[in-house]
Protein backbone atom coordinates (compact mmCIF):
# COMPACT_ATOMS: atom_id res chain seq x y z
CA MET A 1 95.41 95.44 75.63
CA THR A 2 94.06 94.05 78.90
CA ILE A 3 92.42 96.47 81.29
CA LEU A 4 91.19 95.25 84.66
CA SER A 5 87.64 96.35 85.30
CA ARG A 6 86.64 98.30 88.38
CA PRO A 7 85.06 96.20 91.15
CA ALA A 8 81.27 96.12 91.21
CA ALA A 9 81.06 97.44 94.80
CA PRO A 10 80.11 101.11 94.73
CA ARG A 11 82.68 103.62 95.86
CA PRO A 12 81.71 106.10 98.58
CA SER A 13 81.21 109.71 97.66
CA TYR A 14 83.76 112.17 98.96
CA ASP A 15 81.38 113.42 101.65
CA GLU A 16 80.61 109.84 102.73
CA ALA A 17 84.33 108.96 102.95
CA VAL A 18 85.03 112.03 105.10
CA ARG A 19 82.01 111.33 107.32
CA ASP A 20 82.78 107.66 107.87
CA PHE A 21 86.57 107.93 108.30
CA ARG A 22 87.99 106.75 111.64
CA TRP A 23 91.66 106.83 112.59
CA ALA A 24 90.95 103.72 114.69
CA ASP A 25 90.33 101.75 111.46
CA SER A 26 93.77 102.67 110.10
CA MET A 27 95.33 101.89 113.46
CA ARG A 28 93.79 98.41 113.49
CA ALA A 29 94.99 97.82 109.91
CA LEU A 30 98.57 98.41 111.13
CA GLY A 31 98.12 96.24 114.20
CA TRP A 32 98.60 99.25 116.51
CA THR A 33 96.75 100.08 119.71
CA PRO A 34 95.91 103.58 121.00
CA GLY A 35 98.60 104.99 123.26
CA GLY A 36 100.97 102.07 122.80
CA ASP A 37 104.56 102.02 121.62
CA VAL A 38 105.18 100.63 118.14
CA SER A 39 107.78 98.55 116.33
CA LEU A 40 108.15 99.70 112.73
CA GLY A 41 110.04 96.52 111.82
CA GLU A 42 107.27 94.34 113.19
CA THR A 43 104.56 96.39 111.49
CA LEU A 44 106.31 96.43 108.12
CA VAL A 45 107.64 92.90 107.70
CA ASP A 46 107.70 90.69 110.80
CA ARG A 47 103.94 90.34 111.14
CA HIS A 48 103.71 89.17 107.51
CA ALA A 49 106.67 86.75 107.76
CA THR A 50 104.56 83.60 108.07
CA SER A 51 102.30 84.48 105.15
CA GLY A 52 104.68 83.11 102.49
CA ARG A 53 103.86 86.16 100.39
CA SER A 54 106.30 87.91 98.14
CA ALA A 55 107.19 91.33 99.54
CA LEU A 56 109.62 92.50 96.87
CA SER A 57 110.03 91.73 93.19
CA TRP A 58 113.37 93.25 92.15
CA PHE A 59 114.65 93.74 88.60
CA ALA A 60 118.38 94.41 88.24
CA VAL A 61 120.02 96.54 85.56
CA ASP A 62 121.30 93.39 83.81
CA GLY A 63 117.74 92.10 83.44
CA SER A 64 117.92 89.49 86.18
CA HIS A 65 115.08 89.13 88.66
CA ARG A 66 114.95 88.23 92.35
CA ALA A 67 111.92 87.88 94.58
CA TYR A 68 112.06 88.34 98.37
CA THR A 69 109.41 87.08 100.76
CA PHE A 70 108.42 88.98 103.87
CA ASP A 71 110.20 86.30 105.88
CA GLU A 72 113.47 86.94 103.98
CA LEU A 73 113.24 90.69 104.49
CA SER A 74 112.49 90.11 108.15
CA ARG A 75 115.59 87.98 108.64
CA LEU A 76 117.87 90.23 106.59
CA SER A 77 116.75 93.32 108.46
CA ASN A 78 117.36 91.48 111.74
CA ARG A 79 120.93 90.87 110.63
CA PHE A 80 121.46 94.51 109.76
CA ALA A 81 120.01 95.64 113.10
CA ASN A 82 122.44 93.32 114.85
CA LEU A 83 125.31 94.69 112.73
CA LEU A 84 124.41 98.22 113.82
CA HIS A 85 124.43 97.12 117.45
CA THR A 86 127.97 95.76 117.03
CA LEU A 87 128.99 99.22 115.74
CA GLY A 88 127.60 100.87 118.87
CA VAL A 89 124.45 102.30 117.35
CA ASP A 90 121.94 103.14 120.08
CA ARG A 91 118.31 104.09 120.09
CA GLY A 92 117.86 107.51 118.48
CA ASP A 93 121.21 107.48 116.66
CA ARG A 94 121.15 108.42 112.98
CA VAL A 95 121.95 105.88 110.27
CA ALA A 96 122.27 107.25 106.73
CA GLY A 97 121.76 105.46 103.43
CA TYR A 98 123.38 106.70 100.22
CA LEU A 99 121.95 103.86 98.20
CA PRO A 100 120.36 103.20 94.78
CA ARG A 101 117.28 101.12 93.99
CA VAL A 102 118.64 97.81 95.26
CA PRO A 103 117.20 95.41 97.89
CA GLU A 104 119.94 96.35 100.36
CA THR A 105 118.44 99.85 100.52
CA LEU A 106 115.21 98.52 102.00
CA VAL A 107 117.09 96.11 104.28
CA VAL A 108 119.16 99.01 105.67
CA MET A 109 116.06 101.10 106.25
CA LEU A 110 114.16 98.31 107.99
CA GLY A 111 117.22 97.26 110.00
CA ALA A 112 117.86 100.80 111.18
CA TRP A 113 114.34 101.00 112.58
CA LYS A 114 114.66 97.59 114.20
CA ALA A 115 117.78 98.93 115.94
CA GLY A 116 115.79 101.94 117.16
CA ALA A 117 117.76 104.33 114.94
CA ILE A 118 116.59 107.27 112.82
CA TYR A 119 117.06 106.69 109.10
CA VAL A 120 118.60 109.48 106.98
CA PRO A 121 117.99 108.92 103.23
CA ILE A 122 120.52 110.62 100.94
CA PHE A 123 119.65 110.64 97.25
CA THR A 124 122.34 109.09 95.04
CA GLY A 125 122.25 112.10 92.73
CA PHE A 126 124.01 114.17 95.40
CA GLY A 127 127.73 114.90 95.29
CA PRO A 128 130.28 114.83 98.15
CA ASP A 129 129.56 118.33 99.48
CA ALA A 130 125.85 117.60 99.80
CA ILE A 131 126.58 114.24 101.45
CA ALA A 132 129.05 115.79 103.89
CA TYR A 133 126.56 118.48 104.93
CA ARG A 134 123.77 115.97 105.64
CA MET A 135 126.10 113.64 107.54
CA ALA A 136 127.53 116.47 109.65
CA HIS A 137 124.21 118.18 110.34
CA SER A 138 122.46 114.96 111.33
CA ARG A 139 125.52 113.71 113.25
CA ALA A 140 124.96 110.30 111.69
CA ARG A 141 126.92 107.44 113.21
CA VAL A 142 126.85 105.23 110.12
CA LEU A 143 126.64 105.69 106.35
CA CYS A 144 125.76 102.73 104.17
CA THR A 145 126.52 103.06 100.46
CA HIS A 146 126.90 100.98 97.30
CA TRP A 147 130.01 100.25 95.26
CA GLU A 148 128.65 102.21 92.29
CA HIS A 149 128.44 105.39 94.36
CA ALA A 150 131.23 104.92 96.92
CA SER A 151 133.65 107.16 95.00
CA ARG A 152 131.50 110.21 95.83
CA VAL A 153 131.47 109.55 99.57
CA PRO A 154 133.66 112.05 101.49
CA ASP A 155 136.79 110.59 103.09
CA PRO A 156 136.90 110.87 106.01
CA LEU A 157 133.22 111.03 106.89
CA PRO A 158 132.19 113.90 109.19
CA GLY A 159 132.29 113.06 112.88
CA GLY A 160 134.19 109.83 112.31
CA ALA A 161 131.05 108.05 111.08
CA HIS A 162 131.42 104.39 110.14
CA LEU A 163 131.14 103.45 106.44
CA ILE A 164 129.44 100.26 105.25
CA THR A 165 129.67 99.48 101.53
CA VAL A 166 127.65 97.04 99.47
CA THR A 167 130.33 95.55 97.19
CA ARG A 168 130.37 93.36 94.11
CA PRO A 169 130.25 89.63 94.91
CA GLY A 170 133.63 88.41 96.14
CA GLU A 171 135.04 91.93 96.59
CA THR A 172 135.77 93.96 99.72
CA ALA A 173 135.66 97.69 100.39
CA PRO A 174 138.99 99.21 101.47
CA GLY A 175 138.57 101.42 104.52
CA ALA A 176 134.97 100.33 105.04
CA THR A 177 132.93 97.45 106.36
CA SER A 178 131.86 95.20 103.50
CA PHE A 179 128.13 94.61 103.69
CA GLU A 180 127.82 90.92 102.75
CA PRO A 181 130.49 89.35 105.02
CA ALA A 182 129.45 91.62 107.89
CA MET A 183 125.82 90.56 107.46
CA ALA A 184 126.77 86.87 107.24
CA ALA A 185 128.43 87.11 110.65
CA GLN A 186 125.22 88.28 112.34
CA SER A 187 122.29 86.32 113.73
CA ASP A 188 119.03 86.50 111.79
CA ARG A 189 117.13 86.87 115.05
CA CYS A 190 116.67 90.05 117.03
CA GLU A 191 114.12 91.76 119.21
CA PRO A 192 113.01 94.82 117.19
CA ALA A 193 113.05 98.10 119.06
CA ARG A 194 109.80 99.66 120.12
CA VAL A 195 109.49 103.44 119.97
CA ARG A 196 106.91 106.07 120.77
CA ARG A 197 104.81 107.15 117.82
CA GLU A 198 105.98 110.73 118.38
CA ASP A 199 109.66 109.74 118.15
CA PRO A 200 111.43 110.65 114.88
CA ALA A 201 111.97 107.71 112.53
CA VAL A 202 113.25 109.52 109.40
CA LEU A 203 115.37 112.62 108.95
CA LEU A 204 114.61 113.82 105.41
CA TYR A 205 116.53 116.80 104.09
CA THR A 206 114.58 119.31 102.04
CA SER A 207 115.77 122.47 100.35
CA GLY A 208 114.77 125.96 101.40
CA SER A 209 115.02 129.30 99.66
CA THR A 210 117.77 130.58 101.94
CA GLY A 211 120.50 128.73 103.79
CA PRO A 212 121.42 125.08 103.64
CA PRO A 213 118.88 122.21 103.48
CA LYS A 214 116.68 121.55 106.50
CA GLY A 215 116.23 118.15 108.14
CA VAL A 216 112.53 117.33 108.45
CA GLN A 217 111.88 114.99 111.36
CA ILE A 218 109.27 112.48 110.22
CA ALA A 219 107.58 110.73 113.12
CA ALA A 220 107.34 106.97 113.59
CA ASN A 221 103.63 107.74 113.29
CA PHE A 222 104.11 108.31 109.53
CA LEU A 223 102.74 104.83 108.80
CA LEU A 224 99.43 105.82 110.39
CA ALA A 225 99.45 109.33 108.88
CA ILE A 226 99.94 108.03 105.32
CA HIS A 227 97.68 104.97 105.57
CA PRO A 228 94.52 106.90 104.52
CA SER A 229 96.33 108.13 101.39
CA MET A 230 97.24 104.55 100.43
CA ARG A 231 93.68 103.42 101.21
CA TYR A 232 91.79 106.18 99.39
CA GLY A 233 94.27 107.78 97.00
CA VAL A 234 96.48 104.97 95.74
CA GLU A 235 93.79 102.40 96.63
CA LEU A 236 96.22 99.61 97.49
CA ARG A 237 94.65 96.15 97.62
CA ALA A 238 96.07 92.93 99.02
CA ASP A 239 96.24 91.33 95.56
CA ASP A 240 97.92 94.31 93.86
CA VAL A 241 101.30 94.22 92.17
CA PHE A 242 102.39 97.71 93.15
CA TRP A 243 105.14 99.75 91.51
CA PRO A 244 106.05 103.02 93.21
CA THR A 245 108.63 104.32 90.75
CA GLY A 246 109.98 107.03 93.07
CA ASP A 247 113.45 106.77 94.57
CA PRO A 248 113.42 105.67 98.25
CA GLY A 249 115.89 108.51 98.88
CA TRP A 250 112.93 110.91 98.64
CA GLY A 251 109.79 111.17 100.73
CA TYR A 252 107.15 109.96 98.24
CA GLY A 253 109.15 106.89 97.26
CA LEU A 254 109.97 106.06 100.87
CA VAL A 255 106.41 106.21 102.18
CA CYS A 256 104.97 104.32 99.20
CA TYR A 257 107.38 101.39 99.63
CA MET A 258 106.88 101.25 103.38
CA LEU A 259 103.08 101.55 103.36
CA ALA A 260 102.87 98.77 100.78
CA PHE A 261 104.91 96.51 103.08
CA ALA A 262 102.77 97.51 106.05
CA MET A 263 99.67 96.47 104.09
CA GLY A 264 101.21 93.18 102.97
CA VAL A 265 101.30 94.18 99.28
CA THR A 266 103.95 92.99 96.80
CA VAL A 267 106.22 95.81 95.63
CA THR A 268 107.97 95.95 92.26
CA PHE A 269 111.45 97.46 92.54
CA GLN A 270 113.62 98.32 89.52
CA GLU A 271 117.31 99.18 89.77
CA ALA A 272 117.50 101.23 86.57
CA ALA A 273 116.02 104.71 86.77
CA PRO A 274 112.70 104.47 84.93
CA THR A 275 112.42 106.07 81.50
CA GLY A 276 109.26 106.05 79.41
CA GLU A 277 110.08 102.86 77.50
CA ARG A 278 111.61 101.08 80.50
CA CYS A 279 108.44 101.85 82.43
CA LEU A 280 106.22 100.30 79.76
CA VAL A 281 108.42 97.18 79.64
CA ARG A 282 108.27 96.75 83.41
CA LEU A 283 104.53 97.36 83.60
CA ARG A 284 104.01 94.64 81.00
CA ASP A 285 106.55 92.09 82.25
CA ALA A 286 105.84 92.43 85.98
CA GLY A 287 102.06 92.50 85.57
CA VAL A 288 101.81 95.73 87.56
CA THR A 289 98.24 96.55 88.57
CA ASN A 290 98.85 99.69 90.62
CA LEU A 291 101.30 102.43 89.58
CA ALA A 292 102.55 105.42 91.58
CA ALA A 293 104.75 107.63 89.43
CA THR A 294 105.99 111.18 88.96
CA PRO A 295 104.44 113.56 86.42
CA THR A 296 107.80 113.70 84.62
CA LEU A 297 107.77 109.93 84.06
CA LEU A 298 104.17 110.00 82.85
CA ARG A 299 105.01 112.81 80.43
CA SER A 300 107.98 110.80 79.14
CA ILE A 301 105.64 107.85 78.42
CA MET A 302 103.23 110.20 76.67
CA ALA A 303 106.10 111.60 74.59
CA LEU A 304 106.57 108.14 73.03
CA GLY A 305 103.21 108.57 71.31
CA ALA A 306 99.95 106.66 71.45
CA GLU A 307 101.02 104.06 68.87
CA ALA A 308 104.16 103.15 70.81
CA VAL A 309 102.25 102.94 74.11
CA ARG A 310 99.64 100.62 72.60
CA ARG A 311 102.37 98.10 71.75
CA TYR A 312 102.75 97.31 75.46
CA PRO A 313 99.71 95.54 76.92
CA VAL A 314 99.32 96.52 80.58
CA ARG A 315 97.13 95.45 83.51
CA VAL A 316 97.19 98.77 85.35
CA ARG A 317 93.86 99.36 87.10
CA ALA A 318 94.90 102.34 89.26
CA ALA A 319 97.51 105.05 88.73
CA SER A 320 98.65 107.88 90.95
CA CYS A 321 101.32 110.58 90.84
CA CYS A 322 102.90 113.19 93.07
CA GLY A 323 105.58 115.86 92.81
CA GLU A 324 104.08 118.69 90.74
CA PRO A 325 100.73 119.55 89.14
CA LEU A 326 99.57 117.13 86.45
CA ASN A 327 98.16 118.89 83.41
CA ALA A 328 94.98 117.98 81.54
CA GLU A 329 96.81 116.57 78.48
CA VAL A 330 98.44 113.83 80.56
CA VAL A 331 95.19 112.87 82.27
CA THR A 332 93.39 112.66 78.92
CA PHE A 333 96.17 110.63 77.30
CA PHE A 334 96.11 107.83 79.89
CA ARG A 335 92.32 107.75 79.97
CA GLU A 336 92.39 107.11 76.23
CA GLN A 337 95.29 104.62 76.18
CA TRP A 338 94.79 102.67 79.42
CA GLY A 339 91.24 103.45 80.42
CA VAL A 340 92.63 104.76 83.72
CA THR A 341 92.37 108.22 85.29
CA VAL A 342 95.71 109.16 86.85
CA MET A 343 95.02 110.52 90.33
CA ASP A 344 97.26 113.45 91.22
CA HIS A 345 98.27 113.85 94.87
CA TYR A 346 99.82 116.82 96.64
CA GLY A 347 102.52 116.23 99.23
CA SER A 348 105.49 117.80 100.93
CA SER A 349 108.27 116.70 103.28
CA GLU A 350 106.67 118.67 106.12
CA LEU A 351 102.97 117.94 105.54
CA GLY A 352 102.87 114.38 104.20
CA LEU A 353 100.09 113.77 101.64
CA PRO A 354 97.20 115.92 102.87
CA ILE A 355 95.38 116.67 99.59
CA GLY A 356 94.64 114.58 96.54
CA ASN A 357 92.40 112.91 94.01
CA PHE A 358 91.30 109.47 95.17
CA ASN A 359 90.99 106.18 93.30
CA ALA A 360 88.80 104.65 96.02
CA ILE A 361 86.30 107.54 96.14
CA ASP A 362 83.59 108.37 93.63
CA MET A 363 84.64 111.90 92.85
CA ALA A 364 85.03 114.06 89.78
CA VAL A 365 88.60 114.74 88.73
CA LYS A 366 89.45 118.24 87.58
CA PRO A 367 92.66 117.86 85.57
CA GLY A 368 95.36 120.12 86.94
CA SER A 369 93.78 120.28 90.40
CA MET A 370 95.54 119.04 93.55
CA GLY A 371 92.19 117.55 94.56
CA ARG A 372 90.50 117.77 97.95
CA PRO A 373 91.66 117.24 101.54
CA LEU A 374 92.33 113.61 102.46
CA PRO A 375 89.67 112.00 104.68
CA GLY A 376 90.93 112.31 108.25
CA CYS A 377 93.04 115.38 107.39
CA THR A 378 92.12 118.99 108.15
CA ALA A 379 93.62 121.09 105.35
CA ALA A 380 92.78 124.58 104.13
CA ILE A 381 94.11 127.62 102.29
CA VAL A 382 95.10 130.28 104.82
CA ASP A 383 96.52 133.80 104.87
CA ASP A 384 99.72 134.94 106.59
CA GLU A 385 97.95 135.16 109.96
CA GLY A 386 96.44 131.69 109.69
CA HIS A 387 92.87 132.63 108.76
CA GLU A 388 91.09 130.63 106.08
CA VAL A 389 90.65 132.63 102.88
CA ALA A 390 87.65 132.79 100.58
CA ALA A 391 87.26 130.70 97.42
CA ASP A 392 89.65 131.59 94.59
CA VAL A 393 91.92 133.64 96.88
CA VAL A 394 95.56 132.51 96.84
CA GLY A 395 97.03 131.59 100.23
CA HIS A 396 99.25 129.09 101.99
CA VAL A 397 98.49 125.37 101.99
CA GLY A 398 97.87 124.68 105.68
CA VAL A 399 97.33 121.49 107.66
CA GLN A 400 96.20 121.09 111.25
CA PRO A 401 98.08 117.99 112.48
CA HIS A 402 95.62 115.51 113.97
CA PRO A 403 96.36 114.08 117.46
CA GLU A 404 96.41 110.63 115.84
CA GLY A 405 97.42 111.35 112.24
CA TYR A 406 100.41 113.69 112.61
CA TYR A 407 103.31 113.24 110.18
CA SER A 408 106.32 115.50 110.80
CA LEU A 409 107.81 116.99 113.96
CA GLY A 410 109.47 120.09 112.58
CA TYR A 411 113.10 120.66 111.66
CA TRP A 412 116.09 118.94 113.23
CA ASP A 413 118.03 121.23 115.58
CA ASP A 414 116.20 124.29 114.28
CA PRO A 415 113.42 125.51 116.62
CA GLU A 416 113.26 128.92 114.92
CA ARG A 417 112.51 127.48 111.49
CA THR A 418 110.10 125.00 113.09
CA ARG A 419 108.14 127.85 114.68
CA ALA A 420 108.09 129.62 111.32
CA LEU A 421 106.19 126.68 109.82
CA TYR A 422 103.07 127.66 111.76
CA ARG A 423 100.52 130.31 110.88
CA GLY A 424 98.15 130.19 113.80
CA PRO A 425 97.14 126.53 114.24
CA TRP A 426 98.10 125.67 110.65
CA MET A 427 101.38 124.04 109.65
CA THR A 428 102.57 125.40 106.29
CA CYS A 429 105.61 124.76 104.11
CA GLY A 430 105.77 127.63 101.61
CA ASP A 431 103.39 126.21 98.99
CA LEU A 432 100.67 128.52 97.69
CA ALA A 433 97.27 127.43 96.36
CA ARG A 434 93.67 128.50 95.97
CA ARG A 435 90.42 126.63 96.62
CA ASP A 436 87.54 126.80 94.15
CA SER A 437 83.85 126.90 95.00
CA ASP A 438 83.62 123.08 94.81
CA GLY A 439 86.36 122.60 97.41
CA TYR A 440 89.12 121.60 94.96
CA CYS A 441 92.60 123.05 95.52
CA TRP A 442 94.84 124.41 92.77
CA PHE A 443 98.60 124.83 93.15
CA GLU A 444 99.82 128.37 92.48
CA GLY A 445 103.55 128.14 93.20
CA ARG A 446 105.97 128.81 96.03
CA ALA A 447 106.07 131.65 98.52
CA ASP A 448 109.86 131.43 98.38
CA ASP A 449 112.43 130.66 95.69
CA VAL A 450 112.45 126.85 95.91
CA ILE A 451 112.38 125.21 92.47
CA LYS A 452 110.29 122.11 91.77
CA SER A 453 111.84 120.27 88.83
CA ALA A 454 110.99 116.73 87.69
CA GLY A 455 109.62 115.98 91.15
CA TYR A 456 112.73 117.25 92.97
CA ARG A 457 112.64 120.19 95.35
CA ILE A 458 115.77 122.26 94.67
CA GLY A 459 116.90 125.18 96.80
CA PRO A 460 118.98 127.89 95.15
CA PHE A 461 121.49 128.08 98.02
CA GLU A 462 123.35 124.82 97.31
CA VAL A 463 123.45 125.42 93.55
CA GLU A 464 124.62 129.02 93.90
CA SER A 465 127.27 127.99 96.44
CA ALA A 466 128.62 125.41 94.00
CA LEU A 467 128.74 127.90 91.12
CA LEU A 468 130.81 130.25 93.28
CA LEU A 469 133.50 127.56 93.50
CA HIS A 470 134.34 128.20 89.84
CA PRO A 471 137.32 130.59 89.69
CA ALA A 472 135.65 132.84 87.10
CA VAL A 473 132.39 133.42 89.01
CA ALA A 474 131.85 136.49 91.17
CA GLU A 475 128.11 136.10 91.84
CA ALA A 476 125.36 133.66 90.93
CA ALA A 477 121.59 133.43 91.28
CA VAL A 478 119.40 130.45 90.46
CA VAL A 479 115.69 130.38 89.56
CA GLY A 480 113.21 127.96 88.03
CA VAL A 481 111.85 128.56 84.54
CA PRO A 482 108.92 126.68 82.95
CA ASP A 483 109.68 123.49 81.00
CA ALA A 484 107.23 121.23 79.14
CA LEU A 485 108.75 117.93 80.36
CA ARG A 486 110.07 118.71 83.85
CA GLY A 487 107.62 121.38 84.95
CA HIS A 488 110.55 123.70 85.65
CA ILE A 489 114.27 123.61 84.99
CA VAL A 490 117.11 125.27 86.87
CA LYS A 491 118.42 128.44 85.22
CA ALA A 492 121.53 130.15 86.53
CA TYR A 493 122.36 133.83 86.15
CA VAL A 494 126.10 134.37 86.56
CA VAL A 495 128.26 137.47 86.99
CA LEU A 496 131.94 136.92 86.14
CA LYS A 497 134.81 138.44 88.04
CA ALA A 498 136.04 141.77 86.68
CA GLU A 499 139.18 140.31 85.13
CA ARG A 500 137.41 137.34 83.51
CA THR A 501 135.64 137.19 80.16
CA PRO A 502 133.44 134.48 78.63
CA TYR A 503 135.16 131.72 76.67
CA PRO A 504 134.11 128.53 74.83
CA GLY A 505 133.34 125.75 77.26
CA LEU A 506 132.63 128.02 80.24
CA GLU A 507 128.97 126.99 80.48
CA ASP A 508 129.91 123.30 80.44
CA GLU A 509 132.39 123.95 83.25
CA LEU A 510 129.71 125.69 85.32
CA VAL A 511 127.32 122.78 84.86
CA ASP A 512 130.07 120.31 85.79
CA VAL A 513 130.98 122.12 89.00
CA VAL A 514 127.39 121.84 90.20
CA LYS A 515 127.16 118.17 89.16
CA THR A 516 130.43 117.40 90.94
CA HIS A 517 129.74 119.15 94.22
CA VAL A 518 126.01 118.91 94.84
CA GLY A 519 124.40 116.65 92.25
CA ARG A 520 123.34 116.09 88.65
CA HIS A 521 119.65 116.68 89.28
CA GLN A 522 120.42 120.18 90.66
CA SER A 523 122.65 121.30 87.80
CA PRO A 524 121.46 124.22 85.63
CA ARG A 525 120.04 123.43 82.20
CA ALA A 526 120.25 127.08 81.15
CA ILE A 527 122.89 129.70 81.98
CA GLU A 528 122.87 133.42 81.25
CA LEU A 529 125.74 135.82 81.94
CA LEU A 530 124.85 139.22 83.39
CA ASP A 531 126.83 142.33 84.22
CA GLU A 532 125.08 142.51 87.60
CA LEU A 533 122.28 140.83 89.53
CA PRO A 534 119.15 142.73 90.61
CA LYS A 535 119.33 143.44 94.34
CA THR A 536 117.57 145.29 97.11
CA GLU A 537 119.20 148.30 98.78
CA THR A 538 120.49 145.95 101.45
CA GLY A 539 122.13 143.70 98.85
CA LYS A 540 119.63 140.82 98.77
CA ILE A 541 119.26 139.18 95.35
CA GLN A 542 115.79 139.74 93.86
CA ARG A 543 115.17 136.39 92.21
CA PHE A 544 111.59 137.32 91.37
CA LEU A 545 112.93 139.89 88.89
CA LEU A 546 115.10 137.21 87.28
CA ARG A 547 112.03 134.97 86.91
CA GLN A 548 110.29 137.79 85.04
CA ARG A 549 113.04 138.07 82.43
CA PRO A 550 112.02 136.88 78.94
């Protein structure tokens, strides 16, 4: 097994990194100037176009491989921006992508920003009802999808939105614009739009405990806000081969891909969803040196066993993860097998990546801890009124957005929920934690009923609404229960209508109705039938009592 050694240059201590951090350094690294408008397309790909460097190394499901230079991505994204202009897309319009891990996904994202649009990622695990809600709520003008997933796209799209479909070679998409011929008809030159840093660039939908999903407005400034995390936490270097395994339909995947491009780093991109063994194969064959993964994927590698893992020589020198707390067993396993300490980061759709353990800083790692506040970020544990709490007292994870390093702008078309994010000067998102006497933060759970499973944030509302579509269901409640692999799984408690009784196959039907309408990743993995659900006197379901059931 080959393990790259750490560089000889000493790493700063945590206190030194915090003391010496300057937002101006990150701004210069992106080519930005204080107070000026920015072009995301120029920052991400155009300024690297003459370097000749590979931007993307893509591995298809069939095993084939294709590399894209920054120049190629620049030209392709120019074509897509021009295509959007021909469809009447204006600055500030929403362009949605319901796309898998294929190069077109990144081209659509980059092209949308070059057109001045706001990109709306929609995870391919979602079903037609979830797609329709996000399209209608965002009032997206365009949806771009892929032939493998086109059958789940609602017809017609809400608001008369235009559909663009990536098709198989030589095929066309009935009732939609076919991606390849439409792109071929466009010029590969365009003047990328410039926007204010405080303008929204991404509309990312995240689940809440009550009501439908909320659209988090992520500012164009996200490249600056996340740069310190890539510098200190992930420790991206110019010569890295970087593999962020997350799906670009979710926040962590999206920011990892984009920050790597912004820093001129080659990104590995795999079409097939990574499993433990697939991950080991790709790490070996692509020569990956820097890995950003989910805890679920790391646990699936660990489940293969030490002997199996040792059969795959890797060159990984730095590893990071995000999505849920990483337990001590996983940290120990990869230290023993790869000689690498996996650095766990905490993030959310609303707060970005404000807390973590950092590859580029000389700091002790406490397995299971979220880590410490990111240099440049003011984060704390606060009470309901926004006052910092004492060590080992559980409170809300709070962030004071920096005038330079702000990340999100609140919720789309929802000023009331946006105001509710704040506790005094602190922006919060419902996550609870405590801080120990050394300044390390420890995740304690959610203040609401949101379920974190395998890195996904799942709100009970959409799942319960889908279950109620089954003709036998009178009421349903959904909670998260602990699971060794996924952290938590979705468990549904169901009350049948008075005239209905259980029958063989009912549970499978309930799972299928959730898969069909809202998505496979949200479907329950455990179902229990009850005579009635616990409720308050006013009729509100008490999910906390369901979580306490054996």
